[in-house]
Amino acid sequence: MFPDFGYPAAELSAYTFTIDTFIISLKNGRLTHFIPKDIEAFTAWLTNNSVRDIRKDSGIRKT
């Protein structure tokens, strides 16, 4: 768990970041928003837990 964030990494599917807000897709299909106190630490937590950044990986397979 990341401090002040209400979901464990195992429940997260993907995320994007805009201005100061993370928009996060949950595996159950819902979306949540989060404004962390430390953007770099939250980004590192997402990366370390293999949560997909849709700016880098749309999830669409390329053939």
C-alpha atoms as a PDB file:
ATOM      1  CA  MET A   1       0.000   0.000   0.000  1.00  0.00           C
ATOM      2  CA  PHE A   2       1.115   3.544  -0.710  1.00  0.00           C
ATOM      3  CA  PRO A   3       0.481   6.073   2.101  1.00  0.00           C
ATOM      4  CA  ASP A   4      -2.920   7.826   1.809  1.00  0.00           C
ATOM      5  CA  PHE A   5      -3.881   5.756  -1.267  1.00  0.00           C
ATOM      6  CA  GLY A   6      -6.796   3.416  -0.707  1.00  0.00           C
ATOM      7  CA  TYR A   7      -5.880   0.530  -3.006  1.00  0.00           C
ATOM      8  CA  PRO A   8      -3.150  -2.100  -3.046  1.00  0.00           C
ATOM      9  CA  ALA A   9      -1.074  -2.358  -6.211  1.00  0.00           C
ATOM     10  CA  ALA A  10      -2.608  -5.764  -6.995  1.00  0.00           C
ATOM     11  CA  GLU A  11      -5.953  -4.033  -7.698  1.00  0.00           C
ATOM     12  CA  LEU A  12      -4.509  -1.555 -10.219  1.00  0.00           C
ATOM     13  CA  SER A  13      -4.551  -2.060 -13.963  1.00  0.00           C
ATOM     14  CA  ALA A  14      -3.102   1.109 -15.509  1.00  0.00           C
ATOM     15  CA  TYR A  15      -2.632   4.819 -14.931  1.00  0.00           C
ATOM     16  CA  THR A  16      -1.983   8.147 -16.534  1.00  0.00           C
ATOM     17  CA  PHE A  17      -0.871  11.445 -15.021  1.00  0.00           C
ATOM     18  CA  THR A  18      -2.043  14.953 -15.814  1.00  0.00           C
ATOM     19  CA  ILE A  19      -1.150  18.245 -14.126  1.00  0.00           C
ATOM     20  CA  ASP A  20      -1.043  16.959 -10.511  1.00  0.00           C
ATOM     21  CA  THR A  21      -3.517  14.074 -10.639  1.00  0.00           C
ATOM     22  CA  PHE A  22      -3.129  10.373 -11.323  1.00  0.00           C
ATOM     23  CA  ILE A  23      -6.089   8.755 -13.059  1.00  0.00           C
ATOM     24  CA  ILE A  24      -5.981   5.068 -12.243  1.00  0.00           C
ATOM     25  CA  SER A  25      -7.892   2.193 -13.793  1.00  0.00           C
ATOM     26  CA  LEU A  26      -8.723  -0.563 -11.353  1.00  0.00           C
ATOM     27  CA  LYS A  27      -8.906  -4.211 -12.405  1.00  0.00           C
ATOM     28  CA  ASN A  28     -12.624  -4.186 -11.563  1.00  0.00           C
ATOM     29  CA  GLY A  29     -13.176  -1.629 -14.360  1.00  0.00           C
ATOM     30  CA  ARG A  30     -13.658   1.436 -12.161  1.00  0.00           C
ATOM     31  CA  LEU A  31     -11.538   4.581 -12.206  1.00  0.00           C
ATOM     32  CA  THR A  32     -10.090   6.460  -9.281  1.00  0.00           C
ATOM     33  CA  HIS A  33      -8.140   9.705  -8.963  1.00  0.00           C
ATOM     34  CA  PHE A  34      -5.254  10.434  -6.629  1.00  0.00           C
ATOM     35  CA  ILE A  35      -3.160  13.526  -5.886  1.00  0.00           C
ATOM     36  CA  PRO A  36      -0.091  12.321  -3.968  1.00  0.00           C
ATOM     37  CA  LYS A  37       2.031  14.522  -1.747  1.00  0.00           C
ATOM     38  CA  ASP A  38       5.131  13.103  -3.488  1.00  0.00           C
ATOM     39  CA  ILE A  39       4.555  12.558  -7.219  1.00  0.00           C
ATOM     40  CA  GLU A  40       7.970  10.965  -7.823  1.00  0.00           C
ATOM     41  CA  ALA A  41       7.532   8.473  -4.975  1.00  0.00           C
ATOM     42  CA  PHE A  42       4.054   7.472  -6.164  1.00  0.00           C
ATOM     43  CA  THR A  43       5.284   7.066  -9.744  1.00  0.00           C
ATOM     44  CA  ALA A  44       8.147   4.884  -8.504  1.00  0.00           C
ATOM     45  CA  TRP A  45       5.691   2.789  -6.436  1.00  0.00           C
ATOM     46  CA  LEU A  46       3.500   2.244  -9.513  1.00  0.00           C
ATOM     47  CA  THR A  47       6.527   1.319 -11.638  1.00  0.00           C
ATOM     48  CA  ASN A  48       7.963  -1.022  -8.988  1.00  0.00           C
ATOM     49  CA  ASN A  49       4.594  -2.771  -8.818  1.00  0.00           C
ATOM     50  CA  SER A  50       4.377  -3.140 -12.626  1.00  0.00           C
ATOM     51  CA  VAL A  51       1.313  -0.930 -13.037  1.00  0.00           C
ATOM     52  CA  ARG A  52       1.075   0.001 -16.729  1.00  0.00           C
ATOM     53  CA  ASP A  53       1.586   3.663 -17.690  1.00  0.00           C
ATOM     54  CA  ILE A  54      -0.797   4.179 -20.625  1.00  0.00           C
ATOM     55  CA  ARG A  55       1.356   7.028 -21.944  1.00  0.00           C
ATOM     56  CA  LYS A  56       4.055   4.437 -22.660  1.00  0.00           C
ATOM     57  CA  ASP A  57       1.961   1.304 -23.269  1.00  0.00           C
ATOM     58  CA  SER A  58      -1.598   1.553 -24.569  1.00  0.00           C
ATOM     59  CA  GLY A  59      -2.177  -2.139 -23.952  1.00  0.00           C
ATOM     60  CA  ILE A  60      -3.009  -2.701 -27.609  1.00  0.00           C
ATOM     61  CA  ARG A  61      -0.886  -5.437 -29.130  1.00  0.00           C
ATOM     62  CA  LYS A  62       1.017  -4.504 -32.257  1.00  0.00           C
ATOM     63  CA  THR A  63       1.113  -7.194 -34.914  1.00  0.00           C
END
